[in-house]
């Protein structure tokens, strides 16, 4: 007797693949926070680029996150001076 479509071992594998690719399904997603913070110099470059693009709220949020990861890292004037 054949299993109805979507049932049995093959259906379970298909459902597992769909669950793995569903949004929020795994901690291994690309946008999941990393256990290792980004390199500080690259992160600073991103914050400076956000400020130059006029994306000040995003830059401020990124700077706050940066400060959590690197509380004593010296900041360049491009990050600390008014936009």
PDB file of N, CA and C in Angstrom:
ATOM      1  N   UNK A   1       0.859  -1.175   0.000  1.00  0.00           N
ATOM      2  CA  UNK A   1       0.000   0.000   0.000  1.00  0.00           C
ATOM      3  C   UNK A   1       0.901   1.233   0.000  1.00  0.00           C
ATOM      4  N   UNK A   2       0.711   2.109  -0.944  1.00  0.00           N
ATOM      5  CA  UNK A   2       1.533   3.311  -1.076  1.00  0.00           C
ATOM      6  C   UNK A   2       1.051   4.390  -0.117  1.00  0.00           C
ATOM      7  N   UNK A   3       2.006   5.170   0.391  1.00  0.00           N
ATOM      8  CA  UNK A   3       1.689   6.295   1.266  1.00  0.00           C
ATOM      9  C   UNK A   3       1.098   7.427   0.428  1.00  0.00           C
ATOM     10  N   UNK A   4       0.151   8.178   0.957  1.00  0.00           N
ATOM     11  CA  UNK A   4      -0.353   9.350   0.239  1.00  0.00           C
ATOM     12  C   UNK A   4       0.782  10.371   0.075  1.00  0.00           C
ATOM     13  N   UNK A   5       0.716  11.214  -0.951  1.00  0.00           N
ATOM     14  CA  UNK A   5       1.766  12.211  -1.143  1.00  0.00           C
ATOM     15  C   UNK A   5       1.969  13.059   0.117  1.00  0.00           C
ATOM     16  N   UNK A   6       3.234  13.314   0.435  1.00  0.00           N
ATOM     17  CA  UNK A   6       3.552  14.134   1.594  1.00  0.00           C
ATOM     18  C   UNK A   6       3.621  13.365   2.890  1.00  0.00           C
ATOM     19  N   UNK A   7       3.379  12.069   2.829  1.00  0.00           N
ATOM     20  CA  UNK A   7       3.430  11.235   4.031  1.00  0.00           C
ATOM     21  C   UNK A   7       4.652  10.328   3.942  1.00  0.00           C
ATOM     22  N   UNK A   8       4.992   9.671   5.002  1.00  0.00           N
ATOM     23  CA  UNK A   8       6.091   8.721   4.988  1.00  0.00           C
ATOM     24  C   UNK A   8       7.440   9.415   5.048  1.00  0.00           C
ATOM     25  N   UNK A   9       8.501   8.652   4.762  1.00  0.00           N
ATOM     26  CA  UNK A   9       9.874   9.145   4.903  1.00  0.00           C
ATOM     27  C   UNK A   9      10.172  10.292   3.953  1.00  0.00           C
ATOM     28  N   UNK A  10       9.753  10.185   2.691  1.00  0.00           N
ATOM     29  CA  UNK A  10      10.040  11.256   1.722  1.00  0.00           C
ATOM     30  C   UNK A  10       9.328  12.549   2.115  1.00  0.00           C
ATOM     31  N   UNK A  11       8.117  12.470   2.552  1.00  0.00           N
ATOM     32  CA  UNK A  11       7.386  13.654   2.993  1.00  0.00           C
ATOM     33  C   UNK A  11       8.043  14.296   4.201  1.00  0.00           C
ATOM     34  N   UNK A  12       8.555  13.471   5.106  1.00  0.00           N
ATOM     35  CA  UNK A  12       9.236  14.001   6.288  1.00  0.00           C
ATOM     36  C   UNK A  12      10.507  14.740   5.887  1.00  0.00           C
ATOM     37  N   UNK A  13      11.246  14.198   4.913  1.00  0.00           N
ATOM     38  CA  UNK A  13      12.465  14.879   4.452  1.00  0.00           C
ATOM     39  C   UNK A  13      12.118  16.204   3.785  1.00  0.00           C
ATOM     40  N   UNK A  14      11.047  16.218   2.998  1.00  0.00           N
ATOM     41  CA  UNK A  14      10.627  17.455   2.335  1.00  0.00           C
ATOM     42  C   UNK A  14      10.220  18.494   3.369  1.00  0.00           C
ATOM     43  N   UNK A  15       9.435  18.089   4.362  1.00  0.00           N
ATOM     44  CA  UNK A  15       9.015  19.027   5.410  1.00  0.00           C
ATOM     45  C   UNK A  15      10.222  19.549   6.175  1.00  0.00           C
ATOM     46  N   UNK A  16      11.219  18.719   6.414  1.00  0.00           N
ATOM     47  CA  UNK A  16      12.429  19.138   7.128  1.00  0.00           C
ATOM     48  C   UNK A  16      13.189  20.181   6.311  1.00  0.00           C
ATOM     49  N   UNK A  17      13.289  19.955   4.974  1.00  0.00           N
ATOM     50  CA  UNK A  17      13.981  20.938   4.116  1.00  0.00           C
ATOM     51  C   UNK A  17      13.253  22.266   4.114  1.00  0.00           C
ATOM     52  N   UNK A  18      11.930  22.233   4.061  1.00  0.00           N
ATOM     53  CA  UNK A  18      11.144  23.463   4.070  1.00  0.00           C
ATOM     54  C   UNK A  18      11.328  24.176   5.407  1.00  0.00           C
ATOM     55  N   UNK A  19      11.313  23.446   6.498  1.00  0.00           N
ATOM     56  CA  UNK A  19      11.478  24.044   7.815  1.00  0.00           C
ATOM     57  C   UNK A  19      12.849  24.684   7.952  1.00  0.00           C
ATOM     58  N   UNK A  20      13.877  24.068   7.363  1.00  0.00           N
ATOM     59  CA  UNK A  20      15.230  24.618   7.447  1.00  0.00           C
ATOM     60  C   UNK A  20      15.342  25.947   6.720  1.00  0.00           C
ATOM     61  N   UNK A  21      14.563  26.126   5.659  1.00  0.00           N
ATOM     62  CA  UNK A  21      14.670  27.355   4.866  1.00  0.00           C
ATOM     63  C   UNK A  21      13.629  28.393   5.238  1.00  0.00           C
ATOM     64  N   UNK A  22      12.731  28.060   6.160  1.00  0.00           N
ATOM     65  CA  UNK A  22      11.696  29.004   6.566  1.00  0.00           C
ATOM     66  C   UNK A  22      12.315  30.133   7.383  1.00  0.00           C
ATOM     67  N   UNK A  23      11.815  31.337   7.232  1.00  0.00           N
ATOM     68  CA  UNK A  23      12.329  32.455   8.032  1.00  0.00           C
ATOM     69  C   UNK A  23      12.207  32.159   9.519  1.00  0.00           C
ATOM     70  N   UNK A  24      13.270  32.430  10.248  1.00  0.00           N
ATOM     71  CA  UNK A  24      13.265  32.212  11.684  1.00  0.00           C
ATOM     72  C   UNK A  24      13.424  30.769  12.088  1.00  0.00           C
ATOM     73  N   UNK A  25      13.736  29.881  11.140  1.00  0.00           N
ATOM     74  CA  UNK A  25      13.784  28.461  11.442  1.00  0.00           C
ATOM     75  C   UNK A  25      15.062  28.028  12.109  1.00  0.00           C
ATOM     76  N   UNK A  26      16.134  28.762  11.925  1.00  0.00           N
ATOM     77  CA  UNK A  26      17.413  28.279  12.408  1.00  0.00           C
ATOM     78  C   UNK A  26      18.277  29.413  12.915  1.00  0.00           C
ATOM     79  N   UNK A  27      19.109  29.121  13.897  1.00  0.00           N
ATOM     80  CA  UNK A  27      20.065  30.107  14.394  1.00  0.00           C
ATOM     81  C   UNK A  27      21.213  30.288  13.414  1.00  0.00           C
ATOM     82  N   UNK A  28      21.280  29.467  12.386  1.00  0.00           N
ATOM     83  CA  UNK A  28      22.356  29.556  11.405  1.00  0.00           C
ATOM     84  C   UNK A  28      22.022  30.498  10.262  1.00  0.00           C
ATOM     85  N   UNK A  29      20.947  31.254  10.391  1.00  0.00           N
ATOM     86  CA  UNK A  29      20.569  32.191   9.329  1.00  0.00           C
ATOM     87  C   UNK A  29      21.676  33.211   9.129  1.00  0.00           C
ATOM     88  N   UNK A  30      21.702  33.802   7.954  1.00  0.00           N
ATOM     89  CA  UNK A  30      22.712  34.791   7.623  1.00  0.00           C
ATOM     90  C   UNK A  30      22.601  36.010   8.530  1.00  0.00           C
ATOM     91  N   UNK A  31      21.385  36.424   8.875  1.00  0.00           N
ATOM     92  CA  UNK A  31      21.220  37.632   9.673  1.00  0.00           C
ATOM     93  C   UNK A  31      21.239  37.367  11.171  1.00  0.00           C
ATOM     94  N   UNK A  32      21.520  36.134  11.578  1.00  0.00           N
ATOM     95  CA  UNK A  32      21.598  35.822  12.997  1.00  0.00           C
ATOM     96  C   UNK A  32      22.842  36.465  13.593  1.00  0.00           C
ATOM     97  N   UNK A  33      22.747  36.947  14.828  1.00  0.00           N
ATOM     98  CA  UNK A  33      23.924  37.547  15.447  1.00  0.00           C
ATOM     99  C   UNK A  33      25.062  36.530  15.540  1.00  0.00           C
ATOM    100  N   UNK A  34      26.238  37.009  15.313  1.00  0.00           N
ATOM    101  CA  UNK A  34      27.403  36.151  15.358  1.00  0.00           C
ATOM    102  C   UNK A  34      27.940  36.089  16.775  1.00  0.00           C
ATOM    103  N   UNK A  35      28.509  34.957  17.155  1.00  0.00           N
ATOM    104  CA  UNK A  35      29.124  34.820  18.463  1.00  0.00           C
ATOM    105  C   UNK A  35      30.403  35.645  18.525  1.00  0.00           C
ATOM    106  N   UNK A  36      31.014  35.899  17.375  1.00  0.00           N
ATOM    107  CA  UNK A  36      32.243  36.683  17.299  1.00  0.00           C
ATOM    108  C   UNK A  36      31.912  38.027  16.674  1.00  0.00           C
ATOM    109  N   UNK A  37      32.194  39.134  17.395  1.00  0.00           N
ATOM    110  CA  UNK A  37      31.902  40.445  16.813  1.00  0.00           C
ATOM    111  C   UNK A  37      32.725  40.702  15.559  1.00  0.00           C
ATOM    112  N   UNK A  38      32.217  41.588  14.725  1.00  0.00           N
ATOM    113  CA  UNK A  38      32.954  41.980  13.520  1.00  0.00           C
ATOM    114  C   UNK A  38      34.258  42.654  13.904  1.00  0.00           C
ATOM    115  N   UNK A  39      35.177  42.685  12.980  1.00  0.00           N
ATOM    116  CA  UNK A  39      36.438  43.387  13.200  1.00  0.00           C
ATOM    117  C   UNK A  39      36.124  44.863  13.432  1.00  0.00           C
ATOM    118  N   UNK A  40      36.703  45.480  14.460  1.00  0.00           N
ATOM    119  CA  UNK A  40      36.330  46.858  14.781  1.00  0.00           C
ATOM    120  C   UNK A  40      36.606  47.850  13.660  1.00  0.00           C
ATOM    121  N   UNK A  41      37.720  47.701  12.957  1.00  0.00           N
ATOM    122  CA  UNK A  41      38.023  48.666  11.895  1.00  0.00           C
ATOM    123  C   UNK A  41      37.013  48.602  10.757  1.00  0.00           C
ATOM    124  N   UNK A  42      36.571  47.404  10.405  1.00  0.00           N
ATOM    125  CA  UNK A  42      35.553  47.263   9.345  1.00  0.00           C
ATOM    126  C   UNK A  42      34.212  47.808   9.812  1.00  0.00           C
ATOM    127  N   UNK A  43      33.882  47.563  11.062  1.00  0.00           N
ATOM    128  CA  UNK A  43      32.617  48.034  11.618  1.00  0.00           C
ATOM    129  C   UNK A  43      32.594  49.564  11.636  1.00  0.00           C
ATOM    130  N   UNK A  44      33.704  50.166  12.035  1.00  0.00           N
ATOM    131  CA  UNK A  44      33.808  51.629  12.039  1.00  0.00           C
ATOM    132  C   UNK A  44      33.612  52.167  10.614  1.00  0.00           C
ATOM    133  N   UNK A  45      34.218  51.507   9.634  1.00  0.00           N
ATOM    134  CA  UNK A  45      34.052  51.925   8.231  1.00  0.00           C
ATOM    135  C   UNK A  45      32.577  51.919   7.836  1.00  0.00           C
ATOM    136  N   UNK A  46      31.840  50.905   8.268  1.00  0.00           N
ATOM    137  CA  UNK A  46      30.415  50.817   7.963  1.00  0.00           C
ATOM    138  C   UNK A  46      29.641  51.961   8.629  1.00  0.00           C
ATOM    139  N   UNK A  47      29.996  52.281   9.865  1.00  0.00           N
ATOM    140  CA  UNK A  47      29.320  53.371  10.580  1.00  0.00           C
ATOM    141  C   UNK A  47      29.595  54.701   9.883  1.00  0.00           C
ATOM    142  N   UNK A  48      30.843  54.927   9.491  1.00  0.00           N
ATOM    143  CA  UNK A  48      31.202  56.157   8.777  1.00  0.00           C
ATOM    144  C   UNK A  48      30.430  56.244   7.462  1.00  0.00           C
ATOM    145  N   UNK A  49      30.330  55.122   6.744  1.00  0.00           N
ATOM    146  CA  UNK A  49      29.591  55.113   5.472  1.00  0.00           C
ATOM    147  C   UNK A  49      28.111  55.438   5.695  1.00  0.00           C
ATOM    148  N   UNK A  50      27.524  54.914   6.756  1.00  0.00           N
ATOM    149  CA  UNK A  50      26.128  55.223   7.074  1.00  0.00           C
ATOM    150  C   UNK A  50      25.957  56.717   7.351  1.00  0.00           C
ATOM    151  N   UNK A  51      26.878  57.289   8.113  1.00  0.00           N
ATOM    152  CA  UNK A  51      26.806  58.727   8.421  1.00  0.00           C
ATOM    153  C   UNK A  51      26.925  59.560   7.149  1.00  0.00           C
ATOM    154  N   UNK A  52      27.865  59.204   6.286  1.00  0.00           N
ATOM    155  CA  UNK A  52      28.056  59.953   5.039  1.00  0.00           C
ATOM    156  C   UNK A  52      26.835  59.871   4.138  1.00  0.00           C
ATOM    157  N   UNK A  53      26.124  58.745   4.213  1.00  0.00           N
ATOM    158  CA  UNK A  53      24.920  58.555   3.400  1.00  0.00           C
ATOM    159  C   UNK A  53      23.702  59.229   4.022  1.00  0.00           C
ATOM    160  N   UNK A  54      23.892  59.876   5.181  1.00  0.00           N
ATOM    161  CA  UNK A  54      22.776  60.555   5.838  1.00  0.00           C
ATOM    162  C   UNK A  54      21.875  59.621   6.625  1.00  0.00           C
ATOM    163  N   UNK A  55      22.303  58.404   6.813  1.00  0.00           N
ATOM    164  CA  UNK A  55      21.515  57.412   7.550  1.00  0.00           C
ATOM    165  C   UNK A  55      21.925  57.457   9.024  1.00  0.00           C
ATOM    166  N   UNK A  56      21.620  58.594   9.671  1.00  0.00           N
ATOM    167  CA  UNK A  56      22.127  58.885  11.001  1.00  0.00           C
ATOM    168  C   UNK A  56      21.528  58.001  12.090  1.00  0.00           C
ATOM    169  N   UNK A  57      20.269  57.656  11.967  1.00  0.00           N
ATOM    170  CA  UNK A  57      19.655  56.777  12.967  1.00  0.00           C
ATOM    171  C   UNK A  57      20.315  55.404  12.917  1.00  0.00           C
ATOM    172  N   UNK A  58      20.488  54.879  11.712  1.00  0.00           N
ATOM    173  CA  UNK A  58      21.150  53.583  11.567  1.00  0.00           C
ATOM    174  C   UNK A  58      22.591  53.634  12.062  1.00  0.00           C
ATOM    175  N   UNK A  59      23.276  54.740  11.760  1.00  0.00           N
ATOM    176  CA  UNK A  59      24.657  54.894  12.215  1.00  0.00           C
ATOM    177  C   UNK A  59      24.714  54.935  13.738  1.00  0.00           C
ATOM    178  N   UNK A  60      23.776  55.640  14.344  1.00  0.00           N
ATOM    179  CA  UNK A  60      23.719  55.706  15.803  1.00  0.00           C
ATOM    180  C   UNK A  60      23.455  54.351  16.430  1.00  0.00           C
ATOM    181  N   UNK A  61      22.545  53.598  15.825  1.00  0.00           N
ATOM    182  CA  UNK A  61      22.258  52.248  16.322  1.00  0.00           C
ATOM    183  C   UNK A  61      23.475  51.342  16.172  1.00  0.00           C
ATOM    184  N   UNK A  62      24.141  51.447  15.029  1.00  0.00           N
ATOM    185  CA  UNK A  62      25.332  50.635  14.795  1.00  0.00           C
ATOM    186  C   UNK A  62      26.437  51.008  15.780  1.00  0.00           C
ATOM    187  N   UNK A  63      26.572  52.296  16.073  1.00  0.00           N
ATOM    188  CA  UNK A  63      27.581  52.737  17.025  1.00  0.00           C
ATOM    189  C   UNK A  63      27.274  52.214  18.427  1.00  0.00           C
ATOM    190  N   UNK A  64      26.015  52.211  18.798  1.00  0.00           N
ATOM    191  CA  UNK A  64      25.630  51.681  20.107  1.00  0.00           C
ATOM    192  C   UNK A  64      25.984  50.196  20.212  1.00  0.00           C
ATOM    193  N   UNK A  65      25.702  49.448  19.161  1.00  0.00           N
ATOM    194  CA  UNK A  65      26.062  48.022  19.146  1.00  0.00           C
ATOM    195  C   UNK A  65      27.582  47.847  19.175  1.00  0.00           C
ATOM    196  N   UNK A  66      28.282  48.705  18.441  1.00  0.00           N
ATOM    197  CA  UNK A  66      29.741  48.655  18.431  1.00  0.00           C
ATOM    198  C   UNK A  66      30.285  48.876  19.840  1.00  0.00           C
ATOM    199  N   UNK A  67      29.743  49.866  20.529  1.00  0.00           N
ATOM    200  CA  UNK A  67      30.203  50.175  21.883  1.00  0.00           C
ATOM    201  C   UNK A  67      29.947  49.027  22.855  1.00  0.00           C
ATOM    202  N   UNK A  68      28.874  48.270  22.638  1.00  0.00           N
ATOM    203  CA  UNK A  68      28.623  47.095  23.482  1.00  0.00           C
ATOM    204  C   UNK A  68      29.713  46.043  23.271  1.00  0.00           C
ATOM    205  N   UNK A  69      30.134  45.887  22.012  1.00  0.00           N
ATOM    206  CA  UNK A  69      31.142  44.882  21.687  1.00  0.00           C
ATOM    207  C   UNK A  69      32.556  45.352  22.006  1.00  0.00           C
ATOM    208  N   UNK A  70      32.811  46.637  21.810  1.00  0.00           N
ATOM    209  CA  UNK A  70      34.153  47.207  21.996  1.00  0.00           C
ATOM    210  C   UNK A  70      34.063  48.491  22.825  1.00  0.00           C
ATOM    211  N   UNK A  71      33.823  48.379  24.114  1.00  0.00           N
ATOM    212  CA  UNK A  71      33.584  49.577  24.930  1.00  0.00           C
ATOM    213  C   UNK A  71      34.775  50.529  25.052  1.00  0.00           C
ATOM    214  N   UNK A  72      35.987  50.044  24.895  1.00  0.00           N
ATOM    215  CA  UNK A  72      37.157  50.912  25.075  1.00  0.00           C
ATOM    216  C   UNK A  72      37.882  51.217  23.770  1.00  0.00           C
ATOM    217  N   UNK A  73      37.336  50.786  22.655  1.00  0.00           N
ATOM    218  CA  UNK A  73      38.002  51.009  21.374  1.00  0.00           C
ATOM    219  C   UNK A  73      37.980  52.503  21.037  1.00  0.00           C
ATOM    220  N   UNK A  74      39.128  53.075  20.673  1.00  0.00           N
ATOM    221  CA  UNK A  74      39.150  54.508  20.330  1.00  0.00           C
ATOM    222  C   UNK A  74      38.417  54.783  19.028  1.00  0.00           C
ATOM    223  N   UNK A  75      37.573  55.793  19.048  1.00  0.00           N
ATOM    224  CA  UNK A  75      36.764  56.122  17.869  1.00  0.00           C
ATOM    225  C   UNK A  75      37.413  57.267  17.081  1.00  0.00           C
ATOM    226  N   UNK A  76      37.400  57.176  15.762  1.00  0.00           N
ATOM    227  CA  UNK A  76      37.929  58.267  14.948  1.00  0.00           C
ATOM    228  C   UNK A  76      36.959  59.451  14.939  1.00  0.00           C
ATOM    229  N   UNK A  77      37.475  60.610  14.590  1.00  0.00           N
ATOM    230  CA  UNK A  77      36.654  61.827  14.549  1.00  0.00           C
ATOM    231  C   UNK A  77      35.478  61.694  13.588  1.00  0.00           C
ATOM    232  N   UNK A  78      35.633  60.900  12.542  1.00  0.00           N
ATOM    233  CA  UNK A  78      34.548  60.717  11.564  1.00  0.00           C
ATOM    234  C   UNK A  78      33.318  60.086  12.204  1.00  0.00           C
ATOM    235  N   UNK A  79      33.485  59.470  13.366  1.00  0.00           N
ATOM    236  CA  UNK A  79      32.363  58.843  14.058  1.00  0.00           C
ATOM    237  C   UNK A  79      31.859  59.725  15.189  1.00  0.00           C
ATOM    238  N   UNK A  80      32.754  60.477  15.805  1.00  0.00           N
ATOM    239  CA  UNK A  80      32.373  61.242  16.994  1.00  0.00           C
ATOM    240  C   UNK A  80      31.984  62.683  16.706  1.00  0.00           C
ATOM    241  N   UNK A  81      32.393  63.237  15.577  1.00  0.00           N
ATOM    242  CA  UNK A  81      32.057  64.624  15.268  1.00  0.00           C
ATOM    243  C   UNK A  81      30.626  64.725  14.754  1.00  0.00           C
ATOM    244  N   UNK A  82      30.016  65.906  14.909  1.00  0.00           N
ATOM    245  CA  UNK A  82      28.650  66.074  14.384  1.00  0.00           C
ATOM    246  C   UNK A  82      28.619  65.850  12.873  1.00  0.00           C
ATOM    247  N   UNK A  83      27.514  65.336  12.372  1.00  0.00           N
ATOM    248  CA  UNK A  83      27.424  65.059  10.921  1.00  0.00           C
ATOM    249  C   UNK A  83      27.436  66.313  10.075  1.00  0.00           C
TER     250      UNK A  83
END
